Amino acid sequence: MIDYIVAYTDENMNDGKISQLLRGSFTLKIDKSNCYDNPDIKVVFSEKGFLFQAKFNNCESKFKDTMTMFALSLAYREKMEYYLNLTSSIIDKENYHDVIDIKKDFYVFNLKYFFSNPIHYNYQQKHTIWKIIFHYYNILEQHQELKIQIENLVDILHIEQNQEEDKKEKIKENKRKKLK
């Protein structure tokens, strides 16, 4: 389990200090892909969490909103990892009969809980921060990969069902030939 760092500061930190805090080294490249920098706040994301820098007073609600969005991204990533592990365990055990249930569960999850943009368009700052989170943590790519894997499992199930039906049909055909 990865420990996450969520930091709130009003100190004006340079990129090196931010990298040191978030990564424990000076290797974090801070750019538009992982940073939201505005006159009131600066938010920098890394693989282990994020730093929220308040440039004015009373930014606690924006920090809480950012923390909520980060937690949502973690929940999405955890759920997708759960499904990936589930699909790989089914293929390893050759237990394809649960595939349809997994596909249905995944689709229900998507309909109820998965949104590429859960932020109302009126909240431009939150919307922009969510886009950074969504892209930086590759949530859409992981979701698409999972969707393809589940579809592949369903295809395997159909192939096996067709093969089984073909075997049964051949047995019936052989019986009919013997009876003639």
N, C-alpha and C. Protein backbone atom coordinates (compact mmCIF):
# COMPACT_ATOMS: atom_id res chain seq x y z
N MET A 1 0.84 -1.18 0.00
CA MET A 1 0.00 0.00 0.00
C MET A 1 0.88 1.24 0.00
N ILE A 2 0.57 2.15 -0.86
CA ILE A 2 1.33 3.39 -0.95
C ILE A 2 0.78 4.38 0.06
N ASP A 3 1.67 5.02 0.78
CA ASP A 3 1.26 6.12 1.65
C ASP A 3 1.20 7.38 0.81
N TYR A 4 0.13 8.14 0.95
CA TYR A 4 -0.04 9.35 0.16
C TYR A 4 0.30 10.57 0.99
N ILE A 5 0.82 11.57 0.30
CA ILE A 5 1.18 12.83 0.92
C ILE A 5 0.18 13.87 0.43
N VAL A 6 -0.49 14.49 1.37
CA VAL A 6 -1.39 15.59 1.05
C VAL A 6 -0.95 16.74 1.93
N ALA A 7 -0.43 17.79 1.29
CA ALA A 7 0.15 18.90 2.05
C ALA A 7 -0.56 20.21 1.72
N TYR A 8 -0.80 20.98 2.76
CA TYR A 8 -1.36 22.32 2.62
C TYR A 8 -0.34 23.30 3.18
N THR A 9 -0.04 24.34 2.42
CA THR A 9 0.91 25.33 2.89
C THR A 9 0.55 26.71 2.36
N ASP A 10 0.96 27.72 3.06
CA ASP A 10 0.86 29.08 2.54
C ASP A 10 2.25 29.63 2.25
N GLU A 11 3.25 28.77 2.43
CA GLU A 11 4.64 29.13 2.12
C GLU A 11 4.84 29.10 0.61
N ASN A 12 5.54 30.08 0.08
CA ASN A 12 5.87 30.10 -1.35
C ASN A 12 7.08 29.20 -1.57
N MET A 13 6.83 27.99 -2.05
CA MET A 13 7.89 26.99 -2.21
C MET A 13 8.35 26.93 -3.66
N ASN A 14 9.65 26.77 -3.87
CA ASN A 14 10.16 26.58 -5.23
C ASN A 14 9.95 25.13 -5.66
N ASP A 15 10.13 24.87 -6.95
CA ASP A 15 9.87 23.53 -7.50
C ASP A 15 10.72 22.45 -6.85
N GLY A 16 11.97 22.76 -6.54
CA GLY A 16 12.85 21.79 -5.91
C GLY A 16 12.35 21.37 -4.54
N LYS A 17 11.89 22.33 -3.76
CA LYS A 17 11.38 22.02 -2.42
C LYS A 17 10.07 21.22 -2.50
N ILE A 18 9.24 21.58 -3.49
CA ILE A 18 7.98 20.83 -3.70
C ILE A 18 8.31 19.39 -4.09
N SER A 19 9.24 19.22 -5.01
CA SER A 19 9.65 17.88 -5.44
C SER A 19 10.20 17.08 -4.27
N GLN A 20 11.01 17.71 -3.46
CA GLN A 20 11.59 17.04 -2.29
C GLN A 20 10.48 16.57 -1.34
N LEU A 21 9.49 17.42 -1.13
CA LEU A 21 8.39 17.08 -0.23
C LEU A 21 7.54 15.93 -0.79
N LEU A 22 7.20 16.01 -2.06
CA LEU A 22 6.29 15.02 -2.65
C LEU A 22 6.96 13.72 -3.06
N ARG A 23 8.20 13.81 -3.48
CA ARG A 23 8.87 12.63 -4.02
C ARG A 23 10.07 12.19 -3.21
N GLY A 24 10.58 13.08 -2.36
CA GLY A 24 11.77 12.74 -1.60
C GLY A 24 13.04 12.90 -2.42
N SER A 25 12.92 13.59 -3.55
CA SER A 25 14.07 13.84 -4.41
C SER A 25 13.79 15.12 -5.20
N PHE A 26 14.72 15.50 -6.03
CA PHE A 26 14.54 16.69 -6.86
C PHE A 26 14.16 16.31 -8.29
N THR A 27 13.54 15.16 -8.49
CA THR A 27 13.30 14.64 -9.84
C THR A 27 11.90 14.93 -10.39
N LEU A 28 11.03 15.50 -9.59
CA LEU A 28 9.67 15.77 -10.07
C LEU A 28 9.69 16.99 -10.98
N LYS A 29 9.32 16.77 -12.23
CA LYS A 29 9.22 17.87 -13.18
C LYS A 29 7.83 18.48 -13.01
N ILE A 30 7.78 19.75 -12.69
CA ILE A 30 6.51 20.44 -12.47
C ILE A 30 6.19 21.25 -13.72
N ASP A 31 5.09 20.87 -14.37
CA ASP A 31 4.65 21.56 -15.57
C ASP A 31 3.12 21.50 -15.64
N LYS A 32 2.56 21.85 -16.77
CA LYS A 32 1.10 21.90 -16.92
C LYS A 32 0.44 20.53 -16.75
N SER A 33 1.20 19.46 -16.95
CA SER A 33 0.61 18.13 -16.84
C SER A 33 0.30 17.74 -15.39
N ASN A 34 0.98 18.35 -14.43
CA ASN A 34 0.77 17.98 -13.02
C ASN A 34 0.62 19.18 -12.09
N CYS A 35 0.42 20.37 -12.66
CA CYS A 35 0.38 21.56 -11.82
C CYS A 35 -0.72 22.51 -12.27
N TYR A 36 -1.47 23.00 -11.29
CA TYR A 36 -2.43 24.07 -11.51
C TYR A 36 -1.89 25.28 -10.75
N ASP A 37 -1.54 26.33 -11.49
CA ASP A 37 -0.95 27.52 -10.88
C ASP A 37 -1.81 28.72 -11.26
N ASN A 38 -2.43 29.31 -10.25
CA ASN A 38 -3.33 30.42 -10.44
C ASN A 38 -2.95 31.52 -9.45
N PRO A 39 -3.49 32.73 -9.59
CA PRO A 39 -3.12 33.77 -8.63
C PRO A 39 -3.48 33.45 -7.16
N ASP A 40 -4.50 32.62 -6.95
CA ASP A 40 -4.91 32.33 -5.58
C ASP A 40 -4.34 31.03 -5.00
N ILE A 41 -4.14 30.02 -5.85
CA ILE A 41 -3.63 28.73 -5.37
C ILE A 41 -2.68 28.12 -6.39
N LYS A 42 -1.85 27.21 -5.89
CA LYS A 42 -1.00 26.37 -6.73
C LYS A 42 -1.15 24.96 -6.21
N VAL A 43 -1.44 24.03 -7.11
CA VAL A 43 -1.59 22.63 -6.74
C VAL A 43 -0.66 21.81 -7.62
N VAL A 44 0.19 21.00 -6.98
CA VAL A 44 1.13 20.16 -7.71
C VAL A 44 0.86 18.70 -7.33
N PHE A 45 0.70 17.85 -8.34
CA PHE A 45 0.43 16.43 -8.14
C PHE A 45 1.67 15.61 -8.44
N SER A 46 1.81 14.53 -7.70
CA SER A 46 2.85 13.54 -7.98
C SER A 46 2.22 12.17 -7.78
N GLU A 47 3.01 11.14 -8.04
CA GLU A 47 2.47 9.79 -7.89
C GLU A 47 2.06 9.48 -6.45
N LYS A 48 2.61 10.19 -5.49
CA LYS A 48 2.34 9.90 -4.08
C LYS A 48 1.39 10.89 -3.42
N GLY A 49 0.85 11.84 -4.17
CA GLY A 49 -0.08 12.78 -3.57
C GLY A 49 -0.01 14.14 -4.20
N PHE A 50 -0.28 15.16 -3.40
CA PHE A 50 -0.25 16.51 -3.94
C PHE A 50 0.07 17.53 -2.86
N LEU A 51 0.52 18.69 -3.33
CA LEU A 51 0.79 19.83 -2.47
C LEU A 51 -0.16 20.94 -2.88
N PHE A 52 -0.81 21.53 -1.91
CA PHE A 52 -1.72 22.64 -2.15
C PHE A 52 -1.10 23.87 -1.51
N GLN A 53 -0.80 24.86 -2.32
CA GLN A 53 -0.17 26.09 -1.84
C GLN A 53 -1.19 27.22 -1.94
N ALA A 54 -1.59 27.76 -0.79
CA ALA A 54 -2.52 28.89 -0.75
C ALA A 54 -1.73 30.19 -0.87
N LYS A 55 -2.12 31.01 -1.81
CA LYS A 55 -1.44 32.28 -2.00
C LYS A 55 -2.18 33.42 -1.30
N PHE A 56 -3.42 33.15 -0.88
CA PHE A 56 -4.23 34.09 -0.12
C PHE A 56 -4.85 33.34 1.05
N ASN A 57 -5.45 34.09 1.97
CA ASN A 57 -6.15 33.47 3.11
C ASN A 57 -7.44 32.82 2.64
N ASN A 58 -7.97 31.98 3.49
CA ASN A 58 -9.28 31.35 3.29
C ASN A 58 -9.36 30.46 2.04
N CYS A 59 -8.37 29.64 1.85
CA CYS A 59 -8.38 28.68 0.73
C CYS A 59 -8.68 27.26 1.22
N GLU A 60 -9.10 27.12 2.46
CA GLU A 60 -9.33 25.79 3.02
C GLU A 60 -10.41 25.02 2.26
N SER A 61 -11.46 25.72 1.83
CA SER A 61 -12.53 25.00 1.10
C SER A 61 -12.01 24.50 -0.25
N LYS A 62 -11.13 25.26 -0.89
CA LYS A 62 -10.55 24.81 -2.16
C LYS A 62 -9.62 23.61 -1.92
N PHE A 63 -8.92 23.63 -0.80
CA PHE A 63 -8.08 22.49 -0.43
C PHE A 63 -8.94 21.24 -0.22
N LYS A 64 -10.04 21.40 0.51
CA LYS A 64 -10.94 20.26 0.75
C LYS A 64 -11.52 19.74 -0.56
N ASP A 65 -11.88 20.64 -1.46
CA ASP A 65 -12.39 20.22 -2.77
C ASP A 65 -11.33 19.44 -3.55
N THR A 66 -10.09 19.93 -3.49
CA THR A 66 -9.00 19.25 -4.18
C THR A 66 -8.75 17.88 -3.56
N MET A 67 -8.82 17.81 -2.24
CA MET A 67 -8.63 16.54 -1.55
C MET A 67 -9.74 15.56 -1.93
N THR A 68 -10.96 16.04 -2.05
CA THR A 68 -12.08 15.19 -2.45
C THR A 68 -11.89 14.66 -3.86
N MET A 69 -11.44 15.53 -4.77
CA MET A 69 -11.20 15.08 -6.14
C MET A 69 -10.05 14.06 -6.19
N PHE A 70 -9.01 14.30 -5.42
CA PHE A 70 -7.90 13.35 -5.36
C PHE A 70 -8.38 12.01 -4.81
N ALA A 71 -9.21 12.06 -3.76
CA ALA A 71 -9.75 10.82 -3.18
C ALA A 71 -10.63 10.09 -4.20
N LEU A 72 -11.39 10.83 -4.99
CA LEU A 72 -12.21 10.21 -6.04
C LEU A 72 -11.32 9.51 -7.07
N SER A 73 -10.22 10.17 -7.44
CA SER A 73 -9.31 9.53 -8.39
C SER A 73 -8.71 8.25 -7.81
N LEU A 74 -8.40 8.27 -6.51
CA LEU A 74 -7.90 7.05 -5.85
C LEU A 74 -8.95 5.96 -5.86
N ALA A 75 -10.19 6.33 -5.60
CA ALA A 75 -11.27 5.34 -5.61
C ALA A 75 -11.43 4.73 -7.00
N TYR A 76 -11.39 5.57 -8.03
CA TYR A 76 -11.47 5.05 -9.40
C TYR A 76 -10.32 4.10 -9.68
N ARG A 77 -9.11 4.49 -9.31
CA ARG A 77 -7.95 3.65 -9.58
C ARG A 77 -8.01 2.34 -8.81
N GLU A 78 -8.46 2.39 -7.56
CA GLU A 78 -8.59 1.16 -6.76
C GLU A 78 -9.64 0.22 -7.36
N LYS A 79 -10.76 0.77 -7.79
CA LYS A 79 -11.83 -0.05 -8.37
C LYS A 79 -11.36 -0.69 -9.67
N MET A 80 -10.64 0.06 -10.49
CA MET A 80 -10.14 -0.50 -11.74
C MET A 80 -9.09 -1.58 -11.47
N GLU A 81 -8.27 -1.38 -10.48
CA GLU A 81 -7.28 -2.40 -10.12
C GLU A 81 -8.00 -3.66 -9.62
N TYR A 82 -9.06 -3.49 -8.87
CA TYR A 82 -9.87 -4.63 -8.41
C TYR A 82 -10.39 -5.42 -9.62
N TYR A 83 -10.97 -4.72 -10.60
CA TYR A 83 -11.49 -5.40 -11.78
C TYR A 83 -10.38 -6.06 -12.60
N LEU A 84 -9.24 -5.40 -12.72
CA LEU A 84 -8.11 -6.00 -13.45
C LEU A 84 -7.64 -7.28 -12.78
N ASN A 85 -7.54 -7.26 -11.47
CA ASN A 85 -7.15 -8.47 -10.73
C ASN A 85 -8.21 -9.57 -10.89
N LEU A 86 -9.45 -9.18 -10.86
CA LEU A 86 -10.55 -10.14 -11.00
C LEU A 86 -10.52 -10.78 -12.39
N THR A 87 -10.34 -9.98 -13.41
CA THR A 87 -10.31 -10.55 -14.77
C THR A 87 -9.10 -11.44 -14.98
N SER A 88 -7.95 -11.05 -14.45
CA SER A 88 -6.77 -11.89 -14.63
C SER A 88 -6.89 -13.19 -13.83
N SER A 89 -7.55 -13.15 -12.67
CA SER A 89 -7.71 -14.38 -11.89
C SER A 89 -8.68 -15.34 -12.58
N ILE A 90 -9.65 -14.82 -13.27
CA ILE A 90 -10.59 -15.69 -13.98
C ILE A 90 -9.90 -16.38 -15.14
N ILE A 91 -9.08 -15.65 -15.86
CA ILE A 91 -8.38 -16.25 -17.00
C ILE A 91 -7.38 -17.30 -16.51
N ASP A 92 -6.75 -17.05 -15.37
CA ASP A 92 -5.79 -18.01 -14.82
C ASP A 92 -6.48 -19.30 -14.37
N LYS A 93 -7.65 -19.18 -13.81
CA LYS A 93 -8.37 -20.34 -13.29
C LYS A 93 -9.24 -21.00 -14.36
N GLU A 94 -9.31 -20.36 -15.51
CA GLU A 94 -10.17 -20.84 -16.59
C GLU A 94 -11.61 -20.99 -16.11
N ASN A 95 -12.03 -20.06 -15.28
CA ASN A 95 -13.39 -20.05 -14.76
C ASN A 95 -14.15 -18.92 -15.46
N TYR A 96 -14.63 -19.21 -16.64
CA TYR A 96 -15.24 -18.18 -17.47
C TYR A 96 -16.72 -17.95 -17.19
N HIS A 97 -17.29 -18.74 -16.33
CA HIS A 97 -18.73 -18.64 -16.11
C HIS A 97 -19.12 -17.40 -15.33
N ASP A 98 -18.18 -16.76 -14.66
CA ASP A 98 -18.47 -15.54 -13.92
C ASP A 98 -18.23 -14.28 -14.75
N VAL A 99 -17.83 -14.47 -15.99
CA VAL A 99 -17.45 -13.34 -16.84
C VAL A 99 -18.64 -12.40 -17.07
N ILE A 100 -19.78 -12.95 -17.35
CA ILE A 100 -20.96 -12.11 -17.62
C ILE A 100 -21.31 -11.29 -16.39
N ASP A 101 -21.19 -11.89 -15.20
CA ASP A 101 -21.46 -11.14 -13.97
C ASP A 101 -20.47 -10.00 -13.78
N ILE A 102 -19.22 -10.25 -14.11
CA ILE A 102 -18.20 -9.20 -13.99
C ILE A 102 -18.52 -8.07 -14.97
N LYS A 103 -18.85 -8.43 -16.19
CA LYS A 103 -19.18 -7.41 -17.19
C LYS A 103 -20.37 -6.58 -16.74
N LYS A 104 -21.39 -7.24 -16.25
CA LYS A 104 -22.58 -6.53 -15.78
C LYS A 104 -22.23 -5.62 -14.60
N ASP A 105 -21.46 -6.13 -13.65
CA ASP A 105 -21.05 -5.33 -12.49
C ASP A 105 -20.24 -4.11 -12.92
N PHE A 106 -19.33 -4.32 -13.87
CA PHE A 106 -18.52 -3.22 -14.39
C PHE A 106 -19.40 -2.16 -15.06
N TYR A 107 -20.36 -2.59 -15.86
CA TYR A 107 -21.25 -1.63 -16.52
C TYR A 107 -22.12 -0.88 -15.52
N VAL A 108 -22.58 -1.55 -14.50
CA VAL A 108 -23.37 -0.88 -13.46
C VAL A 108 -22.50 0.15 -12.74
N PHE A 109 -21.26 -0.24 -12.42
CA PHE A 109 -20.32 0.71 -11.81
C PHE A 109 -20.15 1.94 -12.69
N ASN A 110 -19.95 1.72 -13.98
CA ASN A 110 -19.78 2.84 -14.91
C ASN A 110 -20.98 3.76 -14.93
N LEU A 111 -22.16 3.17 -15.00
CA LEU A 111 -23.38 3.98 -15.07
C LEU A 111 -23.65 4.77 -13.79
N LYS A 112 -23.36 4.15 -12.66
CA LYS A 112 -23.67 4.81 -11.39
C LYS A 112 -22.56 5.74 -10.90
N TYR A 113 -21.29 5.35 -11.10
CA TYR A 113 -20.22 6.02 -10.37
C TYR A 113 -19.09 6.61 -11.21
N PHE A 114 -18.88 6.12 -12.41
CA PHE A 114 -17.70 6.57 -13.16
C PHE A 114 -18.06 7.72 -14.09
N PHE A 115 -17.42 8.85 -13.86
CA PHE A 115 -17.64 10.03 -14.69
C PHE A 115 -16.28 10.62 -15.06
N SER A 116 -16.08 10.87 -16.34
CA SER A 116 -14.82 11.50 -16.73
C SER A 116 -14.78 12.95 -16.27
N ASN A 117 -15.96 13.54 -16.05
CA ASN A 117 -16.01 14.89 -15.53
C ASN A 117 -17.13 14.99 -14.49
N PRO A 118 -16.82 14.76 -13.21
CA PRO A 118 -17.85 14.84 -12.17
C PRO A 118 -18.08 16.27 -11.66
N ILE A 119 -17.43 17.26 -12.26
CA ILE A 119 -17.49 18.64 -11.78
C ILE A 119 -18.42 19.45 -12.69
N HIS A 120 -19.31 20.21 -12.08
CA HIS A 120 -20.20 21.07 -12.84
C HIS A 120 -19.38 22.13 -13.57
N TYR A 121 -19.78 22.41 -14.80
CA TYR A 121 -19.00 23.34 -15.62
C TYR A 121 -18.93 24.76 -15.04
N ASN A 122 -19.82 25.12 -14.15
CA ASN A 122 -19.78 26.46 -13.54
C ASN A 122 -18.58 26.64 -12.61
N TYR A 123 -17.99 25.54 -12.16
CA TYR A 123 -16.85 25.61 -11.25
C TYR A 123 -15.57 25.41 -12.04
N GLN A 124 -15.16 26.44 -12.75
CA GLN A 124 -14.05 26.35 -13.69
C GLN A 124 -12.75 25.91 -13.03
N GLN A 125 -12.44 26.45 -11.85
CA GLN A 125 -11.18 26.09 -11.19
C GLN A 125 -11.17 24.61 -10.81
N LYS A 126 -12.25 24.14 -10.21
CA LYS A 126 -12.35 22.72 -9.85
C LYS A 126 -12.31 21.85 -11.11
N HIS A 127 -13.00 22.29 -12.13
CA HIS A 127 -13.03 21.55 -13.39
C HIS A 127 -11.61 21.41 -13.96
N THR A 128 -10.85 22.48 -13.94
CA THR A 128 -9.49 22.45 -14.46
C THR A 128 -8.59 21.54 -13.63
N ILE A 129 -8.74 21.62 -12.31
CA ILE A 129 -7.94 20.74 -11.43
C ILE A 129 -8.31 19.29 -11.66
N TRP A 130 -9.61 19.00 -11.82
CA TRP A 130 -10.02 17.62 -12.08
C TRP A 130 -9.41 17.10 -13.39
N LYS A 131 -9.39 17.94 -14.42
CA LYS A 131 -8.81 17.52 -15.69
C LYS A 131 -7.33 17.16 -15.52
N ILE A 132 -6.62 17.93 -14.72
CA ILE A 132 -5.21 17.61 -14.46
C ILE A 132 -5.10 16.26 -13.76
N ILE A 133 -5.90 16.07 -12.72
CA ILE A 133 -5.89 14.80 -11.98
C ILE A 133 -6.22 13.64 -12.92
N PHE A 134 -7.27 13.78 -13.69
CA PHE A 134 -7.77 12.73 -14.58
C PHE A 134 -6.71 12.32 -15.60
N HIS A 135 -6.02 13.32 -16.16
CA HIS A 135 -4.99 13.03 -17.16
C HIS A 135 -3.69 12.56 -16.52
N TYR A 136 -3.28 13.21 -15.44
CA TYR A 136 -2.00 12.87 -14.82
C TYR A 136 -1.97 11.43 -14.33
N TYR A 137 -3.07 10.98 -13.76
CA TYR A 137 -3.12 9.61 -13.24
C TYR A 137 -3.65 8.60 -14.26
N ASN A 138 -3.81 9.00 -15.50
CA ASN A 138 -4.20 8.11 -16.60
C ASN A 138 -5.47 7.33 -16.32
N ILE A 139 -6.43 7.96 -15.72
CA ILE A 139 -7.65 7.27 -15.33
C ILE A 139 -8.42 6.78 -16.55
N LEU A 140 -8.55 7.60 -17.57
CA LEU A 140 -9.30 7.17 -18.75
C LEU A 140 -8.60 6.01 -19.46
N GLU A 141 -7.29 6.05 -19.57
CA GLU A 141 -6.55 4.97 -20.22
C GLU A 141 -6.73 3.66 -19.45
N GLN A 142 -6.65 3.73 -18.13
CA GLN A 142 -6.85 2.53 -17.32
C GLN A 142 -8.26 1.99 -17.50
N HIS A 143 -9.22 2.89 -17.55
CA HIS A 143 -10.62 2.50 -17.72
C HIS A 143 -10.83 1.82 -19.07
N GLN A 144 -10.24 2.39 -20.12
CA GLN A 144 -10.37 1.80 -21.45
C GLN A 144 -9.71 0.43 -21.53
N GLU A 145 -8.53 0.31 -20.92
CA GLU A 145 -7.84 -0.99 -20.90
C GLU A 145 -8.70 -2.04 -20.21
N LEU A 146 -9.27 -1.68 -19.10
CA LEU A 146 -10.13 -2.60 -18.36
C LEU A 146 -11.34 -3.00 -19.19
N LYS A 147 -11.95 -2.03 -19.83
CA LYS A 147 -13.12 -2.31 -20.66
C LYS A 147 -12.77 -3.30 -21.77
N ILE A 148 -11.63 -3.10 -22.40
CA ILE A 148 -11.18 -4.01 -23.46
C ILE A 148 -10.93 -5.41 -22.90
N GLN A 149 -10.30 -5.50 -21.73
CA GLN A 149 -10.04 -6.82 -21.13
C GLN A 149 -11.33 -7.55 -20.82
N ILE A 150 -12.31 -6.85 -20.30
CA ILE A 150 -13.59 -7.49 -19.99
C ILE A 150 -14.27 -7.94 -21.28
N GLU A 151 -14.22 -7.12 -22.31
CA GLU A 151 -14.79 -7.52 -23.61
C GLU A 151 -14.06 -8.75 -24.16
N ASN A 152 -12.75 -8.79 -24.00
CA ASN A 152 -11.98 -9.95 -24.46
C ASN A 152 -12.38 -11.21 -23.71
N LEU A 153 -12.61 -11.08 -22.42
CA LEU A 153 -13.07 -12.24 -21.64
C LEU A 153 -14.41 -12.74 -22.14
N VAL A 154 -15.31 -11.81 -22.45
CA VAL A 154 -16.62 -12.20 -22.98
C VAL A 154 -16.45 -12.89 -24.33
N ASP A 155 -15.55 -12.39 -25.16
CA ASP A 155 -15.28 -13.03 -26.46
C ASP A 155 -14.76 -14.45 -26.25
N ILE A 156 -13.86 -14.64 -25.30
CA ILE A 156 -13.34 -15.98 -25.00
C ILE A 156 -14.48 -16.90 -24.57
N LEU A 157 -15.35 -16.39 -23.74
CA LEU A 157 -16.50 -17.17 -23.29
C LEU A 157 -17.35 -17.61 -24.48
N HIS A 158 -17.62 -16.69 -25.40
CA HIS A 158 -18.43 -17.03 -26.58
C HIS A 158 -17.72 -18.05 -27.46
N ILE A 159 -16.42 -17.91 -27.61
CA ILE A 159 -15.66 -18.88 -28.40
C ILE A 159 -15.76 -20.26 -27.77
N GLU A 160 -15.59 -20.34 -26.47
CA GLU A 160 -15.69 -21.63 -25.78
C GLU A 160 -17.09 -22.22 -25.89
N GLN A 161 -18.09 -21.36 -25.75
CA GLN A 161 -19.47 -21.85 -25.88
C GLN A 161 -19.71 -22.40 -27.29
N ASN A 162 -19.22 -21.69 -28.29
CA ASN A 162 -19.37 -22.15 -29.68
C ASN A 162 -18.63 -23.46 -29.91
N GLN A 163 -17.43 -23.59 -29.34
CA GLN A 163 -16.67 -24.83 -29.47
C GLN A 163 -17.42 -25.98 -28.81
N GLU A 164 -17.99 -25.73 -27.66
CA GLU A 164 -18.75 -26.76 -26.94
C GLU A 164 -19.98 -27.16 -27.75
N GLU A 165 -20.67 -26.19 -28.33
CA GLU A 165 -21.83 -26.50 -29.16
C GLU A 165 -21.41 -27.29 -30.40
N ASP A 166 -20.27 -26.93 -31.00
CA ASP A 166 -19.77 -27.67 -32.16
C ASP A 166 -19.47 -29.12 -31.79
N LYS A 167 -18.87 -29.36 -30.63
CA LYS A 167 -18.57 -30.72 -30.17
C LYS A 167 -19.86 -31.52 -30.01
N LYS A 168 -20.84 -30.90 -29.38
CA LYS A 168 -22.13 -31.58 -29.18
C LYS A 168 -22.79 -31.90 -30.52
N GLU A 169 -22.71 -30.95 -31.44
CA GLU A 169 -23.30 -31.15 -32.76
C GLU A 169 -22.59 -32.28 -33.51
N LYS A 170 -21.28 -32.38 -33.38
CA LYS A 170 -20.52 -33.46 -34.03
C LYS A 170 -20.89 -34.80 -33.43
N ILE A 171 -21.05 -34.85 -32.12
CA ILE A 171 -21.46 -36.09 -31.46
C ILE A 171 -22.83 -36.52 -31.97
N LYS A 172 -23.76 -35.59 -32.07
CA LYS A 172 -25.09 -35.89 -32.58
C LYS A 172 -25.01 -36.37 -34.03
N GLU A 173 -24.21 -35.72 -34.81
CA GLU A 173 -24.03 -36.09 -36.22
C GLU A 173 -23.46 -37.50 -36.34
N ASN A 174 -22.48 -37.81 -35.53
CA ASN A 174 -21.89 -39.18 -35.55
C ASN A 174 -22.91 -40.22 -35.14
N LYS A 175 -23.73 -39.91 -34.14
CA LYS A 175 -24.79 -40.84 -33.72
C LYS A 175 -25.78 -41.07 -34.85
N ARG A 176 -26.13 -40.00 -35.54
CA ARG A 176 -27.08 -40.13 -36.65
C ARG A 176 -26.49 -40.99 -37.77
N LYS A 177 -25.21 -40.82 -38.05
CA LYS A 177 -24.56 -41.60 -39.08
C LYS A 177 -24.52 -43.08 -38.72
N LYS A 178 -24.28 -43.36 -37.43
CA LYS A 178 -24.24 -44.74 -36.99
C LYS A 178 -25.61 -45.40 -37.05
N LEU A 179 -26.65 -44.65 -36.83
CA LEU A 179 -28.00 -45.18 -36.86
C LEU A 179 -28.46 -45.50 -38.30
N LYS A 180 -27.87 -44.90 -39.28
CA LYS A 180 -28.27 -45.11 -40.68
C LYS A 180 -27.78 -46.38 -41.19
